C-alpha atoms as a PDB file:
ATOM      1  CA  UNK A   1     108.167  58.902  47.680  1.00  0.00           C
ATOM      2  CA  UNK A   2     110.105  59.994  50.775  1.00  0.00           C
ATOM      3  CA  UNK A   3     109.788  58.336  54.193  1.00  0.00           C
ATOM      4  CA  UNK A   4     111.586  61.189  55.971  1.00  0.00           C
ATOM      5  CA  UNK A   5     109.556  62.702  58.799  1.00  0.00           C
ATOM      6  CA  UNK A   6     110.080  65.875  60.800  1.00  0.00           C
ATOM      7  CA  UNK A   7     108.815  66.656  64.285  1.00  0.00           C
ATOM      8  CA  UNK A   8     105.866  68.981  64.475  1.00  0.00           C
ATOM      9  CA  UNK A   9     106.829  72.532  65.402  1.00  0.00           C
ATOM     10  CA  UNK A  10     106.165  73.591  68.981  1.00  0.00           C
ATOM     11  CA  UNK A  11     102.821  75.294  69.491  1.00  0.00           C
ATOM     12  CA  UNK A  12     103.376  78.646  71.179  1.00  0.00           C
ATOM     13  CA  UNK A  13      99.898  79.912  70.425  1.00  0.00           C
ATOM     14  CA  UNK A  14      98.258  77.482  72.844  1.00  0.00           C
ATOM     15  CA  UNK A  15     100.286  78.699  75.793  1.00  0.00           C
ATOM     16  CA  UNK A  16      99.570  82.274  74.868  1.00  0.00           C
ATOM     17  CA  UNK A  17      95.873  81.528  74.547  1.00  0.00           C
ATOM     18  CA  UNK A  18      95.864  79.954  77.967  1.00  0.00           C
ATOM     19  CA  UNK A  19      97.432  83.082  79.420  1.00  0.00           C
ATOM     20  CA  UNK A  20     100.574  81.309  80.577  1.00  0.00           C
ATOM     21  CA  UNK A  21     103.192  83.648  82.014  1.00  0.00           C
ATOM     22  CA  UNK A  22     106.849  82.922  82.737  1.00  0.00           C
ATOM     23  CA  UNK A  23     107.850  82.798  86.384  1.00  0.00           C
ATOM     24  CA  UNK A  24     109.591  85.819  87.832  1.00  0.00           C
ATOM     25  CA  UNK A  25     113.349  85.552  87.946  1.00  0.00           C
ATOM     26  CA  UNK A  26     115.340  85.294  91.155  1.00  0.00           C
ATOM     27  CA  UNK A  27     117.325  88.302  89.986  1.00  0.00           C
ATOM     28  CA  UNK A  28     114.266  90.548  89.541  1.00  0.00           C
ATOM     29  CA  UNK A  29     112.977  89.769  93.024  1.00  0.00           C
ATOM     30  CA  UNK A  30     116.422  90.320  94.529  1.00  0.00           C
ATOM     31  CA  UNK A  31     116.655  93.652  92.741  1.00  0.00           C
ATOM     32  CA  UNK A  32     113.298  94.667  94.182  1.00  0.00           C
ATOM     33  CA  UNK A  33     114.467  93.665  97.656  1.00  0.00           C
ATOM     34  CA  UNK A  34     117.634  95.739  97.348  1.00  0.00           C
ATOM     35  CA  UNK A  35     115.678  98.752  96.084  1.00  0.00           C
ATOM     36  CA  UNK A  36     113.176  98.497  98.948  1.00  0.00           C
ATOM     37  CA  UNK A  37     115.940  98.156 101.543  1.00  0.00           C
ATOM     38  CA  UNK A  38     117.978 101.077 100.194  1.00  0.00           C
ATOM     39  CA  UNK A  39     115.032 103.439  99.797  1.00  0.00           C
ATOM     40  CA  UNK A  40     113.481 102.578 103.148  1.00  0.00           C
ATOM     41  CA  UNK A  41     116.775 102.911 105.019  1.00  0.00           C
ATOM     42  CA  UNK A  42     117.501 106.334 103.540  1.00  0.00           C
ATOM     43  CA  UNK A  43     114.027 107.671 104.344  1.00  0.00           C
ATOM     44  CA  UNK A  44     114.073 106.188 107.857  1.00  0.00           C
ATOM     45  CA  UNK A  45     117.390 107.892 108.595  1.00  0.00           C
ATOM     46  CA  UNK A  46     116.155 111.233 107.266  1.00  0.00           C
ATOM     47  CA  UNK A  47     112.923 111.014 109.264  1.00  0.00           C
ATOM     48  CA  UNK A  48     114.719 110.092 112.489  1.00  0.00           C
ATOM     49  CA  UNK A  49     117.252 112.917 112.160  1.00  0.00           C
ATOM     50  CA  UNK A  50     115.198 115.669 110.518  1.00  0.00           C
ATOM     51  CA  UNK A  51     111.547 114.811 111.201  1.00  0.00           C
ATOM     52  CA  UNK A  52     108.805 113.636 108.866  1.00  0.00           C
ATOM     53  CA  UNK A  53     107.579 117.147 108.000  1.00  0.00           C
ATOM     54  CA  UNK A  54     110.360 119.741 108.317  1.00  0.00           C
ATOM     55  CA  UNK A  55     109.469 123.393 107.616  1.00  0.00           C
ATOM     56  CA  UNK A  56     108.552 123.848 103.960  1.00  0.00           C
ATOM     57  CA  UNK A  57     111.267 125.234 101.746  1.00  0.00           C
ATOM     58  CA  UNK A  58     114.163 124.280 104.031  1.00  0.00           C
ATOM     59  CA  UNK A  59     117.087 122.050 103.142  1.00  0.00           C
ATOM     60  CA  UNK A  60     115.778 119.581 105.714  1.00  0.00           C
ATOM     61  CA  UNK A  61     112.497 119.332 103.805  1.00  0.00           C
ATOM     62  CA  UNK A  62     114.393 118.790 100.563  1.00  0.00           C
ATOM     63  CA  UNK A  63     116.414 115.929 102.058  1.00  0.00           C
ATOM     64  CA  UNK A  64     113.411 114.238 103.679  1.00  0.00           C
ATOM     65  CA  UNK A  65     111.326 114.397 100.532  1.00  0.00           C
ATOM     66  CA  UNK A  66     114.089 113.248  98.198  1.00  0.00           C
ATOM     67  CA  UNK A  67     114.674 110.226 100.433  1.00  0.00           C
ATOM     68  CA  UNK A  68     110.908 109.689 100.460  1.00  0.00           C
ATOM     69  CA  UNK A  69     111.119 109.649  96.669  1.00  0.00           C
ATOM     70  CA  UNK A  70     113.854 106.995  96.902  1.00  0.00           C
ATOM     71  CA  UNK A  71     111.543 104.979  99.165  1.00  0.00           C
ATOM     72  CA  UNK A  72     108.772 105.242  96.589  1.00  0.00           C
ATOM     73  CA  UNK A  73     111.114 104.059  93.840  1.00  0.00           C
ATOM     74  CA  UNK A  74     111.673 100.959  95.970  1.00  0.00           C
ATOM     75  CA  UNK A  75     107.915 100.475  96.210  1.00  0.00           C
ATOM     76  CA  UNK A  76     107.617 100.623  92.419  1.00  0.00           C
ATOM     77  CA  UNK A  77     110.117  97.755  92.214  1.00  0.00           C
ATOM     78  CA  UNK A  78     108.218  95.929  94.970  1.00  0.00           C
ATOM     79  CA  UNK A  79     104.851  96.176  93.214  1.00  0.00           C
ATOM     80  CA  UNK A  80     106.485  95.019  89.973  1.00  0.00           C
ATOM     81  CA  UNK A  81     107.830  91.949  91.775  1.00  0.00           C
ATOM     82  CA  UNK A  82     104.397  91.321  93.265  1.00  0.00           C
ATOM     83  CA  UNK A  83     102.890  91.471  89.814  1.00  0.00           C
ATOM     84  CA  UNK A  84     105.465  89.159  88.222  1.00  0.00           C
ATOM     85  CA  UNK A  85     105.118  86.567  90.977  1.00  0.00           C
ATOM     86  CA  UNK A  86     101.316  86.753  91.137  1.00  0.00           C
ATOM     87  CA  UNK A  87     101.548  87.666  94.825  1.00  0.00           C
ATOM     88  CA  UNK A  88      97.876  88.583  95.128  1.00  0.00           C
ATOM     89  CA  UNK A  89      96.648  86.352  92.295  1.00  0.00           C
ATOM     90  CA  UNK A  90      97.094  85.973  88.571  1.00  0.00           C
ATOM     91  CA  UNK A  91      93.663  87.016  87.344  1.00  0.00           C
ATOM     92  CA  UNK A  92      92.760  90.244  85.597  1.00  0.00           C
ATOM     93  CA  UNK A  93      91.447  91.892  88.770  1.00  0.00           C
ATOM     94  CA  UNK A  94      94.684  91.218  90.667  1.00  0.00           C
ATOM     95  CA  UNK A  95      96.798  92.626  87.840  1.00  0.00           C
ATOM     96  CA  UNK A  96      94.514  95.651  87.547  1.00  0.00           C
ATOM     97  CA  UNK A  97      94.817  96.419  91.253  1.00  0.00           C
ATOM     98  CA  UNK A  98      98.606  96.359  91.045  1.00  0.00           C
ATOM     99  CA  UNK A  99      98.538  98.578  87.954  1.00  0.00           C
ATOM    100  CA  UNK A 100      96.351 101.017  89.904  1.00  0.00           C
ATOM    101  CA  UNK A 101      98.873 100.967  92.755  1.00  0.00           C
ATOM    102  CA  UNK A 102     101.650 101.757  90.285  1.00  0.00           C
ATOM    103  CA  UNK A 103      99.622 104.740  89.075  1.00  0.00           C
ATOM    104  CA  UNK A 104      99.018 105.962  92.640  1.00  0.00           C
ATOM    105  CA  UNK A 105     102.727 105.675  93.377  1.00  0.00           C
ATOM    106  CA  UNK A 106     103.631 107.584  90.211  1.00  0.00           C
ATOM    107  CA  UNK A 107     101.537 110.589  91.229  1.00  0.00           C
ATOM    108  CA  UNK A 108     102.741 110.326  94.843  1.00  0.00           C
ATOM    109  CA  UNK A 109     106.318 110.486  93.554  1.00  0.00           C
ATOM    110  CA  UNK A 110     105.472 113.730  91.759  1.00  0.00           C
ATOM    111  CA  UNK A 111     104.185 115.001  95.112  1.00  0.00           C
ATOM    112  CA  UNK A 112     107.486 114.153  96.817  1.00  0.00           C
ATOM    113  CA  UNK A 113     109.463 115.982  94.140  1.00  0.00           C
ATOM    114  CA  UNK A 114     107.185 118.990  94.427  1.00  0.00           C
ATOM    115  CA  UNK A 115     107.655 119.039  98.222  1.00  0.00           C
ATOM    116  CA  UNK A 116     111.410 118.899  97.691  1.00  0.00           C
ATOM    117  CA  UNK A 117     111.905 121.204  94.727  1.00  0.00           C
ATOM    118  CA  UNK A 118     108.943 123.566  94.214  1.00  0.00           C
ATOM    119  CA  UNK A 119     107.961 125.233  97.523  1.00  0.00           C
ATOM    120  CA  UNK A 120     106.317 128.050  95.576  1.00  0.00           C
ATOM    121  CA  UNK A 121     103.543 125.639  94.554  1.00  0.00           C
ATOM    122  CA  UNK A 122     102.643 124.470  98.070  1.00  0.00           C
ATOM    123  CA  UNK A 123      99.528 126.649  98.320  1.00  0.00           C
ATOM    124  CA  UNK A 124      98.071 125.804  94.926  1.00  0.00           C
ATOM    125  CA  UNK A 125      95.049 123.626  94.298  1.00  0.00           C
ATOM    126  CA  UNK A 126      97.070 121.416  91.951  1.00  0.00           C
ATOM    127  CA  UNK A 127      99.561 120.595  94.685  1.00  0.00           C
ATOM    128  CA  UNK A 128      96.759 119.824  97.149  1.00  0.00           C
ATOM    129  CA  UNK A 129      95.227 117.295  94.748  1.00  0.00           C
ATOM    130  CA  UNK A 130      98.537 115.661  93.870  1.00  0.00           C
ATOM    131  CA  UNK A 131      99.562 115.437  97.522  1.00  0.00           C
ATOM    132  CA  UNK A 132      96.456 113.346  98.282  1.00  0.00           C
ATOM    133  CA  UNK A 133      98.010 110.499  96.319  1.00  0.00           C
ATOM    134  CA  UNK A 134     100.736 110.072  98.973  1.00  0.00           C
ATOM    135  CA  UNK A 135      98.383 108.651 101.628  1.00  0.00           C
ATOM    136  CA  UNK A 136      96.272 106.920  98.975  1.00  0.00           C
ATOM    137  CA  UNK A 137      99.311 105.056  97.659  1.00  0.00           C
ATOM    138  CA  UNK A 138     100.286 103.948 101.165  1.00  0.00           C
ATOM    139  CA  UNK A 139      96.757 102.749 101.939  1.00  0.00           C
ATOM    140  CA  UNK A 140      96.906 100.808  98.675  1.00  0.00           C
ATOM    141  CA  UNK A 141     100.131  99.154  99.824  1.00  0.00           C
ATOM    142  CA  UNK A 142      98.460  98.209 103.118  1.00  0.00           C
ATOM    143  CA  UNK A 143      95.615  96.538 101.228  1.00  0.00           C
ATOM    144  CA  UNK A 144      98.119  94.646  99.066  1.00  0.00           C
ATOM    145  CA  UNK A 145      99.919  93.374 102.163  1.00  0.00           C
ATOM    146  CA  UNK A 146      96.688  91.937 103.558  1.00  0.00           C
ATOM    147  CA  UNK A 147      95.848  90.370 100.221  1.00  0.00           C
ATOM    148  CA  UNK A 148      99.283  88.707  99.995  1.00  0.00           C
ATOM    149  CA  UNK A 149      98.733  87.064 103.362  1.00  0.00           C
ATOM    150  CA  UNK A 150      95.284  85.830 102.308  1.00  0.00           C
ATOM    151  CA  UNK A 151      96.343  84.587  98.867  1.00  0.00           C
ATOM    152  CA  UNK A 152      99.211  82.513 100.244  1.00  0.00           C
ATOM    153  CA  UNK A 153     101.139  82.517  96.985  1.00  0.00           C
ATOM    154  CA  UNK A 154     104.193  83.866  98.769  1.00  0.00           C
ATOM    155  CA  UNK A 155     105.307  81.540 101.544  1.00  0.00           C
ATOM    156  CA  UNK A 156     106.987  81.684 104.925  1.00  0.00           C
ATOM    157  CA  UNK A 157     108.137  85.052 106.168  1.00  0.00           C
ATOM    158  CA  UNK A 158     107.573  86.553 102.702  1.00  0.00           C
ATOM    159  CA  UNK A 159     103.863  85.865 103.130  1.00  0.00           C
ATOM    160  CA  UNK A 160     103.582  87.363 106.611  1.00  0.00           C
ATOM    161  CA  UNK A 161     105.948  90.333 106.491  1.00  0.00           C
ATOM    162  CA  UNK A 162     104.207  92.477 103.853  1.00  0.00           C
ATOM    163  CA  UNK A 163     101.353  92.969 106.328  1.00  0.00           C
ATOM    164  CA  UNK A 164     103.864  94.347 108.828  1.00  0.00           C
ATOM    165  CA  UNK A 165     105.749  96.494 106.319  1.00  0.00           C
ATOM    166  CA  UNK A 166     102.749  97.843 104.485  1.00  0.00           C
ATOM    167  CA  UNK A 167     100.909  98.870 107.658  1.00  0.00           C
ATOM    168  CA  UNK A 168     103.151 101.956 107.788  1.00  0.00           C
ATOM    169  CA  UNK A 169     100.347 104.408 107.020  1.00  0.00           C
ATOM    170  CA  UNK A 170      97.727 102.889 109.383  1.00  0.00           C
ATOM    171  CA  UNK A 171     100.310 103.053 112.193  1.00  0.00           C
ATOM    172  CA  UNK A 172     102.094 106.326 111.495  1.00  0.00           C
ATOM    173  CA  UNK A 173      99.243 108.589 110.405  1.00  0.00           C
ATOM    174  CA  UNK A 174      97.216 108.177 113.651  1.00  0.00           C
ATOM    175  CA  UNK A 175     100.441 108.681 115.611  1.00  0.00           C
ATOM    176  CA  UNK A 176     100.932 112.030 113.877  1.00  0.00           C
ATOM    177  CA  UNK A 177      97.609 113.206 115.317  1.00  0.00           C
ATOM    178  CA  UNK A 178      97.791 111.573 118.745  1.00  0.00           C
ATOM    179  CA  UNK A 179     101.523 111.795 119.568  1.00  0.00           C
ATOM    180  CA  UNK A 180     103.088 114.260 117.113  1.00  0.00           C
ATOM    181  CA  UNK A 181     106.264 114.618 119.180  1.00  0.00           C
ATOM    182  CA  UNK A 182     107.273 111.008 118.515  1.00  0.00           C
ATOM    183  CA  UNK A 183     105.914 110.580 114.996  1.00  0.00           C
ATOM    184  CA  UNK A 184     109.321 110.832 113.335  1.00  0.00           C
ATOM    185  CA  UNK A 185     110.714 108.067 115.534  1.00  0.00           C
ATOM    186  CA  UNK A 186     107.673 105.821 115.159  1.00  0.00           C
ATOM    187  CA  UNK A 187     107.742 106.294 111.396  1.00  0.00           C
ATOM    188  CA  UNK A 188     111.470 105.616 111.168  1.00  0.00           C
ATOM    189  CA  UNK A 189     111.298 102.562 113.421  1.00  0.00           C
ATOM    190  CA  UNK A 190     108.368 101.140 111.461  1.00  0.00           C
ATOM    191  CA  UNK A 191     110.292 101.564 108.204  1.00  0.00           C
ATOM    192  CA  UNK A 192     113.254  99.686 109.632  1.00  0.00           C
ATOM    193  CA  UNK A 193     111.208  96.865 111.147  1.00  0.00           C
ATOM    194  CA  UNK A 194     108.810  96.678 108.224  1.00  0.00           C
ATOM    195  CA  UNK A 195     110.068  97.623 104.771  1.00  0.00           C
ATOM    196  CA  UNK A 196     113.794  97.245 105.424  1.00  0.00           C
ATOM    197  CA  UNK A 197     113.295  93.721 106.767  1.00  0.00           C
ATOM    198  CA  UNK A 198     110.941  92.877 103.892  1.00  0.00           C
ATOM    199  CA  UNK A 199     113.550  94.082 101.419  1.00  0.00           C
ATOM    200  CA  UNK A 200     116.184  91.908 103.073  1.00  0.00           C
ATOM    201  CA  UNK A 201     113.858  88.901 102.919  1.00  0.00           C
ATOM    202  CA  UNK A 202     113.254  89.408  99.194  1.00  0.00           C
ATOM    203  CA  UNK A 203     116.943  89.969  98.496  1.00  0.00           C
ATOM    204  CA  UNK A 204     118.133  86.910 100.422  1.00  0.00           C
ATOM    205  CA  UNK A 205     115.236  84.495 100.039  1.00  0.00           C
ATOM    206  CA  UNK A 206     113.565  85.302  96.706  1.00  0.00           C
ATOM    207  CA  UNK A 207     112.453  81.683  96.244  1.00  0.00           C
ATOM    208  CA  UNK A 208     109.749  82.320  98.872  1.00  0.00           C
ATOM    209  CA  UNK A 209     107.911  84.363  96.238  1.00  0.00           C
ATOM    210  CA  UNK A 210     107.911  81.525  93.722  1.00  0.00           C
ATOM    211  CA  UNK A 211     110.674  83.144  91.662  1.00  0.00           C
ATOM    212  CA  UNK A 212     113.146  80.859  89.983  1.00  0.00           C
END
């Protein structure tokens, strides 16, 4: 008869059953911040110099829409960081909303590429439908910003600044109708004050999101 004992193996099934998720890494949040800063800066510069809606089919339109695509890539990274950190909550509804935002952004990115590369499709019904996802994706980002502030899972400036950054559409779209001559400057300035600053916050102070 042996008296040798061995420790019980760790139970990984209990954590999985409880829905435990590892915390987001500092590196992933920093990466998101860098992507948001780079994409937002490039689009802001293009808007300020060339306008938000240059004539279709021109090189100016190609540049503006490709930089808009870069901005949207940054938003994809941002939403991923929000999901990993549970920025708006950790329940199924919160995760579903962020998945929906990812889907809206994906179609909006197709719209940007079509604006940049396929001017022959501008007058088609397909393009009209796809282009609707641009404003829808930005309204979704605005709603996420409000929810982050309410949830309070991000702290300090990281909790407050998404509301500023993600109000781009509610600020810029009315300006396009009321003061079209200054829309490009309002849009560019809002990107710099909003998303560029938010990206810098995430890149330099990722711990405010709960990442570790």
